[in-house]
PDB file of N, CA and C in Angstrom:
ATOM      1  N   MET A   1      -4.528  25.457  46.674  1.00  0.00           N
ATOM      2  CA  MET A   1      -3.470  25.501  45.685  1.00  0.00           C
ATOM      3  C   MET A   1      -3.375  24.144  44.997  1.00  0.00           C
ATOM      4  N   ASN A   2      -3.526  24.149  43.715  1.00  0.00           N
ATOM      5  CA  ASN A   2      -3.387  22.935  42.926  1.00  0.00           C
ATOM      6  C   ASN A   2      -2.039  22.948  42.244  1.00  0.00           C
ATOM      7  N   ALA A   3      -1.243  21.988  42.587  1.00  0.00           N
ATOM      8  CA  ALA A   3       0.080  21.887  41.973  1.00  0.00           C
ATOM      9  C   ALA A   3       0.288  20.458  41.494  1.00  0.00           C
ATOM     10  N   TYR A   4       0.796  20.358  40.322  1.00  0.00           N
ATOM     11  CA  TYR A   4       1.099  19.041  39.767  1.00  0.00           C
ATOM     12  C   TYR A   4       2.594  18.805  39.917  1.00  0.00           C
ATOM     13  N   VAL A   5       2.944  17.746  40.599  1.00  0.00           N
ATOM     14  CA  VAL A   5       4.343  17.407  40.784  1.00  0.00           C
ATOM     15  C   VAL A   5       4.569  16.017  40.221  1.00  0.00           C
ATOM     16  N   GLU A   6       5.529  15.906  39.356  1.00  0.00           N
ATOM     17  CA  GLU A   6       5.841  14.608  38.768  1.00  0.00           C
ATOM     18  C   GLU A   6       7.066  14.027  39.455  1.00  0.00           C
ATOM     19  N   PHE A   7       6.904  12.847  39.993  1.00  0.00           N
ATOM     20  CA  PHE A   7       8.009  12.160  40.644  1.00  0.00           C
ATOM     21  C   PHE A   7       8.484  11.040  39.747  1.00  0.00           C
ATOM     22  N   ARG A   8       9.735  11.034  39.427  1.00  0.00           N
ATOM     23  CA  ARG A   8      10.317   9.971  38.617  1.00  0.00           C
ATOM     24  C   ARG A   8      11.410   9.288  39.424  1.00  0.00           C
ATOM     25  N   PRO A   9      11.421   7.973  39.363  1.00  0.00           N
ATOM     26  CA  PRO A   9      12.511   7.287  40.069  1.00  0.00           C
ATOM     27  C   PRO A   9      13.835   7.569  39.379  1.00  0.00           C
ATOM     28  N   GLU A  10      14.892   7.510  40.143  1.00  0.00           N
ATOM     29  CA  GLU A  10      16.214   7.702  39.550  1.00  0.00           C
ATOM     30  C   GLU A  10      16.513   6.547  38.605  1.00  0.00           C
ATOM     31  N   GLU A  11      17.483   6.741  37.770  1.00  0.00           N
ATOM     32  CA  GLU A  11      17.887   5.715  36.811  1.00  0.00           C
ATOM     33  C   GLU A  11      18.045   4.375  37.514  1.00  0.00           C
ATOM     34  N   GLN A  12      17.434   3.331  36.939  1.00  0.00           N
ATOM     35  CA  GLN A  12      17.456   2.027  37.584  1.00  0.00           C
ATOM     36  C   GLN A  12      18.376   1.036  36.874  1.00  0.00           C
ATOM     37  N   ARG A  13      18.989   1.438  35.803  1.00  0.00           N
ATOM     38  CA  ARG A  13      19.877   0.529  35.094  1.00  0.00           C
ATOM     39  C   ARG A  13      21.190   0.368  35.843  1.00  0.00           C
ATOM     40  N   LYS A  14      21.695  -0.855  35.851  1.00  0.00           N
ATOM     41  CA  LYS A  14      22.978  -1.131  36.492  1.00  0.00           C
ATOM     42  C   LYS A  14      24.147  -0.776  35.579  1.00  0.00           C
ATOM     43  N   PHE A  15      23.902  -0.827  34.260  1.00  0.00           N
ATOM     44  CA  PHE A  15      24.964  -0.593  33.291  1.00  0.00           C
ATOM     45  C   PHE A  15      24.551   0.519  32.331  1.00  0.00           C
ATOM     46  N   PRO A  16      25.468   1.400  31.943  1.00  0.00           N
ATOM     47  CA  PRO A  16      25.126   2.462  30.990  1.00  0.00           C
ATOM     48  C   PRO A  16      24.749   1.872  29.627  1.00  0.00           C
ATOM     49  N   ARG A  17      23.737   2.451  29.023  1.00  0.00           N
ATOM     50  CA  ARG A  17      23.240   1.990  27.729  1.00  0.00           C
ATOM     51  C   ARG A  17      23.943   2.767  26.621  1.00  0.00           C
ATOM     52  N   LYS A  18      24.254   2.062  25.535  1.00  0.00           N
ATOM     53  CA  LYS A  18      24.885   2.691  24.372  1.00  0.00           C
ATOM     54  C   LYS A  18      23.930   2.571  23.191  1.00  0.00           C
ATOM     55  N   ASN A  19      23.570   3.714  22.587  1.00  0.00           N
ATOM     56  CA  ASN A  19      22.746   3.678  21.389  1.00  0.00           C
ATOM     57  C   ASN A  19      23.567   3.080  20.261  1.00  0.00           C
ATOM     58  N   ALA A  20      22.996   2.089  19.608  1.00  0.00           N
ATOM     59  CA  ALA A  20      23.675   1.414  18.506  1.00  0.00           C
ATOM     60  C   ALA A  20      22.634   0.717  17.661  1.00  0.00           C
ATOM     61  N   THR A  21      22.841   0.720  16.365  1.00  0.00           N
ATOM     62  CA  THR A  21      21.931  -0.001  15.492  1.00  0.00           C
ATOM     63  C   THR A  21      22.647  -1.197  14.898  1.00  0.00           C
ATOM     64  N   GLY A  22      21.856  -2.179  14.543  1.00  0.00           N
ATOM     65  CA  GLY A  22      22.419  -3.369  13.938  1.00  0.00           C
ATOM     66  C   GLY A  22      21.318  -4.340  13.562  1.00  0.00           C
ATOM     67  N   ILE A  23      21.668  -5.283  12.753  1.00  0.00           N
ATOM     68  CA  ILE A  23      20.755  -6.342  12.355  1.00  0.00           C
ATOM     69  C   ILE A  23      21.108  -7.573  13.185  1.00  0.00           C
ATOM     70  N   ILE A  24      20.088  -8.200  13.768  1.00  0.00           N
ATOM     71  CA  ILE A  24      20.311  -9.373  14.607  1.00  0.00           C
ATOM     72  C   ILE A  24      19.435 -10.522  14.123  1.00  0.00           C
ATOM     73  N   THR A  25      19.794 -11.711  14.549  1.00  0.00           N
ATOM     74  CA  THR A  25      18.941 -12.886  14.382  1.00  0.00           C
ATOM     75  C   THR A  25      18.501 -13.295  15.772  1.00  0.00           C
ATOM     76  N   LEU A  26      17.196 -13.388  15.963  1.00  0.00           N
ATOM     77  CA  LEU A  26      16.613 -13.718  17.263  1.00  0.00           C
ATOM     78  C   LEU A  26      15.972 -15.101  17.174  1.00  0.00           C
ATOM     79  N   THR A  27      16.345 -15.976  18.098  1.00  0.00           N
ATOM     80  CA  THR A  27      15.763 -17.315  18.156  1.00  0.00           C
ATOM     81  C   THR A  27      15.052 -17.459  19.492  1.00  0.00           C
ATOM     82  N   PRO A  28      13.723 -17.629  19.473  1.00  0.00           N
ATOM     83  CA  PRO A  28      12.977 -17.800  20.725  1.00  0.00           C
ATOM     84  C   PRO A  28      13.287 -19.147  21.379  1.00  0.00           C
ATOM     85  N   GLY A  29      13.403 -19.143  22.713  1.00  0.00           N
ATOM     86  CA  GLY A  29      13.600 -20.385  23.470  1.00  0.00           C
ATOM     87  C   GLY A  29      14.726 -21.221  22.918  1.00  0.00           C
ATOM     88  N   ASN A  30      14.470 -22.496  22.821  1.00  0.00           N
ATOM     89  CA  ASN A  30      15.459 -23.411  22.248  1.00  0.00           C
ATOM     90  C   ASN A  30      15.098 -23.788  20.818  1.00  0.00           C
ATOM     91  N   GLY A  31      14.333 -22.912  20.162  1.00  0.00           N
ATOM     92  CA  GLY A  31      13.873 -23.173  18.806  1.00  0.00           C
ATOM     93  C   GLY A  31      15.002 -23.268  17.802  1.00  0.00           C
ATOM     94  N   ALA A  32      14.705 -23.895  16.699  1.00  0.00           N
ATOM     95  CA  ALA A  32      15.697 -24.076  15.646  1.00  0.00           C
ATOM     96  C   ALA A  32      15.642 -22.956  14.610  1.00  0.00           C
ATOM     97  N   ARG A  33      14.550 -22.198  14.590  1.00  0.00           N
ATOM     98  CA  ARG A  33      14.379 -21.153  13.582  1.00  0.00           C
ATOM     99  C   ARG A  33      14.707 -19.780  14.150  1.00  0.00           C
ATOM    100  N   GLY A  34      15.525 -19.029  13.414  1.00  0.00           N
ATOM    101  CA  GLY A  34      15.855 -17.671  13.804  1.00  0.00           C
ATOM    102  C   GLY A  34      15.074 -16.669  12.971  1.00  0.00           C
ATOM    103  N   TYR A  35      14.816 -15.492  13.548  1.00  0.00           N
ATOM    104  CA  TYR A  35      14.043 -14.436  12.895  1.00  0.00           C
ATOM    105  C   TYR A  35      14.869 -13.161  12.860  1.00  0.00           C
ATOM    106  N   ALA A  36      14.682 -12.379  11.811  1.00  0.00           N
ATOM    107  CA  ALA A  36      15.397 -11.110  11.675  1.00  0.00           C
ATOM    108  C   ALA A  36      14.865 -10.091  12.677  1.00  0.00           C
ATOM    109  N   GLY A  37      15.747  -9.234  13.143  1.00  0.00           N
ATOM    110  CA  GLY A  37      15.369  -8.159  14.048  1.00  0.00           C
ATOM    111  C   GLY A  37      16.344  -7.010  13.926  1.00  0.00           C
ATOM    112  N   LYS A  38      16.030  -5.924  14.622  1.00  0.00           N
ATOM    113  CA  LYS A  38      16.874  -4.733  14.586  1.00  0.00           C
ATOM    114  C   LYS A  38      17.234  -4.346  16.022  1.00  0.00           C
ATOM    115  N   MET A  39      18.529  -4.153  16.268  1.00  0.00           N
ATOM    116  CA  MET A  39      19.023  -3.722  17.574  1.00  0.00           C
ATOM    117  C   MET A  39      19.030  -2.202  17.608  1.00  0.00           C
ATOM    118  N   PHE A  40      18.618  -1.630  18.747  1.00  0.00           N
ATOM    119  CA  PHE A  40      18.620  -0.179  18.924  1.00  0.00           C
ATOM    120  C   PHE A  40      19.649   0.291  19.946  1.00  0.00           C
ATOM    121  N   ASN A  41      19.890  -0.521  20.958  1.00  0.00           N
ATOM    122  CA  ASN A  41      20.866  -0.163  21.975  1.00  0.00           C
ATOM    123  C   ASN A  41      21.295  -1.419  22.715  1.00  0.00           C
ATOM    124  N   PHE A  42      22.395  -1.296  23.448  1.00  0.00           N
ATOM    125  CA  PHE A  42      22.856  -2.419  24.252  1.00  0.00           C
ATOM    126  C   PHE A  42      23.676  -1.897  25.424  1.00  0.00           C
ATOM    127  N   SER A  43      23.865  -2.758  26.396  1.00  0.00           N
ATOM    128  CA  SER A  43      24.736  -2.475  27.526  1.00  0.00           C
ATOM    129  C   SER A  43      25.347  -3.802  27.948  1.00  0.00           C
ATOM    130  N   GLU A  44      26.122  -3.767  28.982  1.00  0.00           N
ATOM    131  CA  GLU A  44      26.702  -4.992  29.515  1.00  0.00           C
ATOM    132  C   GLU A  44      25.602  -5.933  30.018  1.00  0.00           C
ATOM    133  N   GLY A  45      24.448  -5.370  30.373  1.00  0.00           N
ATOM    134  CA  GLY A  45      23.387  -6.173  30.970  1.00  0.00           C
ATOM    135  C   GLY A  45      22.204  -6.494  30.083  1.00  0.00           C
ATOM    136  N   GLY A  46      22.109  -5.877  28.886  1.00  0.00           N
ATOM    137  CA  GLY A  46      20.941  -6.162  28.064  1.00  0.00           C
ATOM    138  C   GLY A  46      20.949  -5.450  26.730  1.00  0.00           C
ATOM    139  N   MET A  47      19.801  -5.547  26.033  1.00  0.00           N
ATOM    140  CA  MET A  47      19.689  -5.008  24.682  1.00  0.00           C
ATOM    141  C   MET A  47      18.257  -4.579  24.420  1.00  0.00           C
ATOM    142  N   GLY A  48      18.092  -3.515  23.630  1.00  0.00           N
ATOM    143  CA  GLY A  48      16.789  -3.099  23.128  1.00  0.00           C
ATOM    144  C   GLY A  48      16.706  -3.466  21.663  1.00  0.00           C
ATOM    145  N   LEU A  49      15.618  -4.125  21.257  1.00  0.00           N
ATOM    146  CA  LEU A  49      15.506  -4.585  19.883  1.00  0.00           C
ATOM    147  C   LEU A  49      14.062  -4.593  19.420  1.00  0.00           C
ATOM    148  N   ALA A  50      13.862  -4.760  18.122  1.00  0.00           N
ATOM    149  CA  ALA A  50      12.518  -4.858  17.540  1.00  0.00           C
ATOM    150  C   ALA A  50      12.506  -6.009  16.543  1.00  0.00           C
ATOM    151  N   THR A  51      11.349  -6.652  16.436  1.00  0.00           N
ATOM    152  CA  THR A  51      11.161  -7.773  15.517  1.00  0.00           C
ATOM    153  C   THR A  51       9.669  -7.988  15.302  1.00  0.00           C
ATOM    154  N   ASP A  52       9.320  -8.846  14.360  1.00  0.00           N
ATOM    155  CA  ASP A  52       7.923  -9.188  14.123  1.00  0.00           C
ATOM    156  C   ASP A  52       7.470 -10.401  14.932  1.00  0.00           C
ATOM    157  N   VAL A  53       8.355 -10.990  15.704  1.00  0.00           N
ATOM    158  CA  VAL A  53       8.052 -12.211  16.456  1.00  0.00           C
ATOM    159  C   VAL A  53       7.387 -11.865  17.789  1.00  0.00           C
ATOM    160  N   PRO A  54       6.175 -12.403  18.061  1.00  0.00           N
ATOM    161  CA  PRO A  54       5.551 -12.168  19.358  1.00  0.00           C
ATOM    162  C   PRO A  54       6.218 -13.014  20.445  1.00  0.00           C
ATOM    163  N   LEU A  55       6.592 -12.364  21.541  1.00  0.00           N
ATOM    164  CA  LEU A  55       7.244 -13.044  22.666  1.00  0.00           C
ATOM    165  C   LEU A  55       6.554 -12.657  23.965  1.00  0.00           C
ATOM    166  N   ASN A  56       6.554 -13.559  24.918  1.00  0.00           N
ATOM    167  CA  ASN A  56       5.999 -13.283  26.241  1.00  0.00           C
ATOM    168  C   ASN A  56       7.089 -12.740  27.153  1.00  0.00           C
ATOM    169  N   ILE A  57       6.670 -11.980  28.158  1.00  0.00           N
ATOM    170  CA  ILE A  57       7.599 -11.512  29.187  1.00  0.00           C
ATOM    171  C   ILE A  57       8.229 -12.738  29.841  1.00  0.00           C
ATOM    172  N   MET A  58       9.505 -12.686  30.106  1.00  0.00           N
ATOM    173  CA  MET A  58      10.320 -13.749  30.696  1.00  0.00           C
ATOM    174  C   MET A  58      10.637 -14.881  29.724  1.00  0.00           C
ATOM    175  N   SER A  59      10.241 -14.739  28.441  1.00  0.00           N
ATOM    176  CA  SER A  59      10.631 -15.729  27.435  1.00  0.00           C
ATOM    177  C   SER A  59      12.136 -15.692  27.256  1.00  0.00           C
ATOM    178  N   GLN A  60      12.733 -16.859  27.085  1.00  0.00           N
ATOM    179  CA  GLN A  60      14.163 -16.943  26.827  1.00  0.00           C
ATOM    180  C   GLN A  60      14.408 -16.742  25.342  1.00  0.00           C
ATOM    181  N   VAL A  61      15.461 -16.005  25.007  1.00  0.00           N
ATOM    182  CA  VAL A  61      15.823 -15.772  23.608  1.00  0.00           C
ATOM    183  C   VAL A  61      17.332 -15.912  23.433  1.00  0.00           C
ATOM    184  N   HIS A  62      17.710 -16.258  22.209  1.00  0.00           N
ATOM    185  CA  HIS A  62      19.113 -16.282  21.805  1.00  0.00           C
ATOM    186  C   HIS A  62      19.256 -15.242  20.696  1.00  0.00           C
ATOM    187  N   ILE A  63      20.288 -14.428  20.787  1.00  0.00           N
ATOM    188  CA  ILE A  63      20.503 -13.336  19.839  1.00  0.00           C
ATOM    189  C   ILE A  63      21.886 -13.498  19.225  1.00  0.00           C
ATOM    190  N   GLU A  64      21.955 -13.345  17.907  1.00  0.00           N
ATOM    191  CA  GLU A  64      23.239 -13.351  17.213  1.00  0.00           C
ATOM    192  C   GLU A  64      23.325 -12.094  16.356  1.00  0.00           C
ATOM    193  N   VAL A  65      24.419 -11.374  16.477  1.00  0.00           N
ATOM    194  CA  VAL A  65      24.622 -10.154  15.703  1.00  0.00           C
ATOM    195  C   VAL A  65      24.969 -10.538  14.269  1.00  0.00           C
ATOM    196  N   ALA A  66      24.172 -10.044  13.323  1.00  0.00           N
ATOM    197  CA  ALA A  66      24.425 -10.299  11.905  1.00  0.00           C
ATOM    198  C   ALA A  66      25.235  -9.158  11.292  1.00  0.00           C
ATOM    199  N   GLN A  67      24.935  -7.910  11.728  1.00  0.00           N
ATOM    200  CA  GLN A  67      25.639  -6.748  11.188  1.00  0.00           C
ATOM    201  C   GLN A  67      25.519  -5.599  12.170  1.00  0.00           C
ATOM    202  N   SER A  68      26.640  -5.021  12.551  1.00  0.00           N
ATOM    203  CA  SER A  68      26.653  -3.866  13.443  1.00  0.00           C
ATOM    204  C   SER A  68      28.029  -3.225  13.404  1.00  0.00           C
ATOM    205  N   SER A  69      28.059  -1.908  13.494  1.00  0.00           N
ATOM    206  CA  SER A  69      29.348  -1.221  13.569  1.00  0.00           C
ATOM    207  C   SER A  69      29.857  -1.173  15.006  1.00  0.00           C
ATOM    208  N   ASP A  70      29.007  -1.590  15.972  1.00  0.00           N
ATOM    209  CA  ASP A  70      29.371  -1.501  17.384  1.00  0.00           C
ATOM    210  C   ASP A  70      29.688  -2.843  18.042  1.00  0.00           C
ATOM    211  N   LEU A  71      29.216  -3.937  17.468  1.00  0.00           N
ATOM    212  CA  LEU A  71      29.455  -5.259  18.020  1.00  0.00           C
ATOM    213  C   LEU A  71      30.004  -6.174  16.930  1.00  0.00           C
ATOM    214  N   PRO A  72      30.847  -7.125  17.305  1.00  0.00           N
ATOM    215  CA  PRO A  72      31.396  -8.018  16.287  1.00  0.00           C
ATOM    216  C   PRO A  72      30.330  -8.926  15.672  1.00  0.00           C
ATOM    217  N   ARG A  73      30.473  -9.198  14.403  1.00  0.00           N
ATOM    218  CA  ARG A  73      29.567 -10.111  13.701  1.00  0.00           C
ATOM    219  C   ARG A  73      29.640 -11.488  14.366  1.00  0.00           C
ATOM    220  N   SER A  74      28.503 -12.143  14.469  1.00  0.00           N
ATOM    221  CA  SER A  74      28.351 -13.472  15.065  1.00  0.00           C
ATOM    222  C   SER A  74      28.464 -13.471  16.590  1.00  0.00           C
ATOM    223  N   LYS A  75      28.556 -12.297  17.222  1.00  0.00           N
ATOM    224  CA  LYS A  75      28.535 -12.219  18.684  1.00  0.00           C
ATOM    225  C   LYS A  75      27.186 -12.745  19.148  1.00  0.00           C
ATOM    226  N   ARG A  76      27.183 -13.608  20.165  1.00  0.00           N
ATOM    227  CA  ARG A  76      25.943 -14.243  20.637  1.00  0.00           C
ATOM    228  C   ARG A  76      25.620 -13.829  22.067  1.00  0.00           C
ATOM    229  N   PHE A  77      24.321 -13.722  22.324  1.00  0.00           N
ATOM    230  CA  PHE A  77      23.819 -13.385  23.643  1.00  0.00           C
ATOM    231  C   PHE A  77      22.660 -14.312  23.978  1.00  0.00           C
ATOM    232  N   LYS A  78      22.478 -14.558  25.253  1.00  0.00           N
ATOM    233  CA  LYS A  78      21.328 -15.315  25.745  1.00  0.00           C
ATOM    234  C   LYS A  78      20.640 -14.408  26.761  1.00  0.00           C
ATOM    235  N   GLY A  79      19.313 -14.280  26.657  1.00  0.00           N
ATOM    236  CA  GLY A  79      18.620 -13.377  27.556  1.00  0.00           C
ATOM    237  C   GLY A  79      17.167 -13.730  27.757  1.00  0.00           C
ATOM    238  N   ARG A  80      16.486 -12.863  28.497  1.00  0.00           N
ATOM    239  CA  ARG A  80      15.059 -12.993  28.765  1.00  0.00           C
ATOM    240  C   ARG A  80      14.374 -11.662  28.478  1.00  0.00           C
ATOM    241  N   VAL A  81      13.149 -11.744  27.976  1.00  0.00           N
ATOM    242  CA  VAL A  81      12.351 -10.551  27.695  1.00  0.00           C
ATOM    243  C   VAL A  81      11.890  -9.960  29.026  1.00  0.00           C
ATOM    244  N   VAL A  82      12.197  -8.680  29.275  1.00  0.00           N
ATOM    245  CA  VAL A  82      11.775  -8.035  30.520  1.00  0.00           C
ATOM    246  C   VAL A  82      10.701  -6.974  30.307  1.00  0.00           C
ATOM    247  N   TRP A  83      10.564  -6.480  29.075  1.00  0.00           N
ATOM    248  CA  TRP A  83       9.448  -5.587  28.751  1.00  0.00           C
ATOM    249  C   TRP A  83       9.144  -5.690  27.269  1.00  0.00           C
ATOM    250  N   SER A  84       7.925  -5.281  26.921  1.00  0.00           N
ATOM    251  CA  SER A  84       7.449  -5.419  25.551  1.00  0.00           C
ATOM    252  C   SER A  84       6.506  -4.272  25.220  1.00  0.00           C
ATOM    253  N   ARG A  85       6.570  -3.805  23.958  1.00  0.00           N
ATOM    254  CA  ARG A  85       5.632  -2.775  23.461  1.00  0.00           C
ATOM    255  C   ARG A  85       5.266  -3.108  22.027  1.00  0.00           C
ATOM    256  N   ASN A  86       4.026  -2.870  21.674  1.00  0.00           N
ATOM    257  CA  ASN A  86       3.624  -2.963  20.271  1.00  0.00           C
ATOM    258  C   ASN A  86       3.957  -1.632  19.620  1.00  0.00           C
ATOM    259  N   ILE A  87       4.775  -1.667  18.558  1.00  0.00           N
ATOM    260  CA  ILE A  87       5.149  -0.412  17.902  1.00  0.00           C
ATOM    261  C   ILE A  87       4.664  -0.354  16.458  1.00  0.00           C
ATOM    262  N   HIS A  88       4.390  -1.490  15.843  1.00  0.00           N
ATOM    263  CA  HIS A  88       3.877  -1.567  14.468  1.00  0.00           C
ATOM    264  C   HIS A  88       4.672  -0.673  13.513  1.00  0.00           C
ATOM    265  N   ASP A  89       5.997  -0.783  13.576  1.00  0.00           N
ATOM    266  CA  ASP A  89       6.886  -0.013  12.715  1.00  0.00           C
ATOM    267  C   ASP A  89       7.240  -0.861  11.497  1.00  0.00           C
ATOM    268  N   LEU A  90       6.896  -0.387  10.310  1.00  0.00           N
ATOM    269  CA  LEU A  90       7.143  -1.162   9.098  1.00  0.00           C
ATOM    270  C   LEU A  90       8.628  -1.393   8.836  1.00  0.00           C
ATOM    271  N   ASP A  91       9.479  -0.500   9.311  1.00  0.00           N
ATOM    272  CA  ASP A  91      10.913  -0.652   9.093  1.00  0.00           C
ATOM    273  C   ASP A  91      11.588  -1.519  10.158  1.00  0.00           C
ATOM    274  N   SER A  92      11.093  -1.480  11.390  1.00  0.00           N
ATOM    275  CA  SER A  92      11.759  -2.170  12.491  1.00  0.00           C
ATOM    276  C   SER A  92      11.081  -3.475  12.889  1.00  0.00           C
ATOM    277  N   GLY A  93       9.776  -3.461  12.975  1.00  0.00           N
ATOM    278  CA  GLY A  93       9.048  -4.645  13.411  1.00  0.00           C
ATOM    279  C   GLY A  93       7.779  -4.260  14.135  1.00  0.00           C
ATOM    280  N   ILE A  94       6.996  -5.247  14.432  1.00  0.00           N
ATOM    281  CA  ILE A  94       5.731  -5.011  15.133  1.00  0.00           C
ATOM    282  C   ILE A  94       5.951  -4.790  16.628  1.00  0.00           C
ATOM    283  N   TYR A  95       6.942  -5.482  17.187  1.00  0.00           N
ATOM    284  CA  TYR A  95       7.172  -5.452  18.635  1.00  0.00           C
ATOM    285  C   TYR A  95       8.549  -4.906  18.971  1.00  0.00           C
ATOM    286  N   ARG A  96       8.608  -4.171  20.072  1.00  0.00           N
ATOM    287  CA  ARG A  96       9.893  -3.717  20.619  1.00  0.00           C
ATOM    288  C   ARG A  96      10.056  -4.372  21.978  1.00  0.00           C
ATOM    289  N   TYR A  97      11.275  -4.866  22.243  1.00  0.00           N
ATOM    290  CA  TYR A  97      11.542  -5.610  23.471  1.00  0.00           C
ATOM    291  C   TYR A  97      12.775  -5.093  24.192  1.00  0.00           C
ATOM    292  N   GLY A  98      12.741  -5.252  25.508  1.00  0.00           N
ATOM    293  CA  GLY A  98      13.919  -5.067  26.340  1.00  0.00           C
ATOM    294  C   GLY A  98      14.371  -6.438  26.775  1.00  0.00           C
ATOM    295  N   ILE A  99      15.629  -6.751  26.530  1.00  0.00           N
ATOM    296  CA  ILE A  99      16.184  -8.053  26.853  1.00  0.00           C
ATOM    297  C   ILE A  99      17.226  -7.891  27.956  1.00  0.00           C
ATOM    298  N   LYS A 100      17.138  -8.735  28.966  1.00  0.00           N
ATOM    299  CA  LYS A 100      18.151  -8.777  30.026  1.00  0.00           C
ATOM    300  C   LYS A 100      18.996 -10.011  29.785  1.00  0.00           C
ATOM    301  N   PHE A 101      20.308  -9.819  29.666  1.00  0.00           N
ATOM    302  CA  PHE A 101      21.194 -10.945  29.406  1.00  0.00           C
ATOM    303  C   PHE A 101      21.267 -11.853  30.617  1.00  0.00           C
ATOM    304  N   VAL A 102      21.403 -13.153  30.348  1.00  0.00           N
ATOM    305  CA  VAL A 102      21.622 -14.149  31.387  1.00  0.00           C
ATOM    306  C   VAL A 102      22.895 -14.900  31.043  1.00  0.00           C
ATOM    307  N   GLN A 103      23.495 -15.511  32.004  1.00  0.00           N
ATOM    308  CA  GLN A 103      24.752 -16.232  31.774  1.00  0.00           C
ATOM    309  C   GLN A 103      24.501 -17.720  31.855  1.00  0.00           C
ATOM    310  N   PRO A 104      25.216 -18.551  31.139  1.00  0.00           N
ATOM    311  CA  PRO A 104      26.206 -18.168  30.149  1.00  0.00           C
ATOM    312  C   PRO A 104      25.580 -17.796  28.834  1.00  0.00           C
ATOM    313  N   ALA A 105      26.295 -17.000  28.043  1.00  0.00           N
ATOM    314  CA  ALA A 105      25.770 -16.556  26.742  1.00  0.00           C
ATOM    315  C   ALA A 105      25.872 -17.647  25.714  1.00  0.00           C
TER     316      ALA A 105
END
């Protein structure tokens, strides 16, 4: 008997994710230059976003909300890249990232 069984781990997020769109400014590390990006979702613990800036896993980033109906303008976050995908989306960016917030923001 050949049976295919798919095992998926249970949800591993500590905080519920909220789908939300917005325009953000992303600054890699302690750099002085910020880059435009697009937010897709956020939670108390992190954010999903896209941009054209190449980043390494565990890179530190600073995020500032430029426009969103879900978060206040100029809200700032500090985080680290925990996952990365090449998406090559002309509207969103070349890269999609998962950011885990670190304290202090």
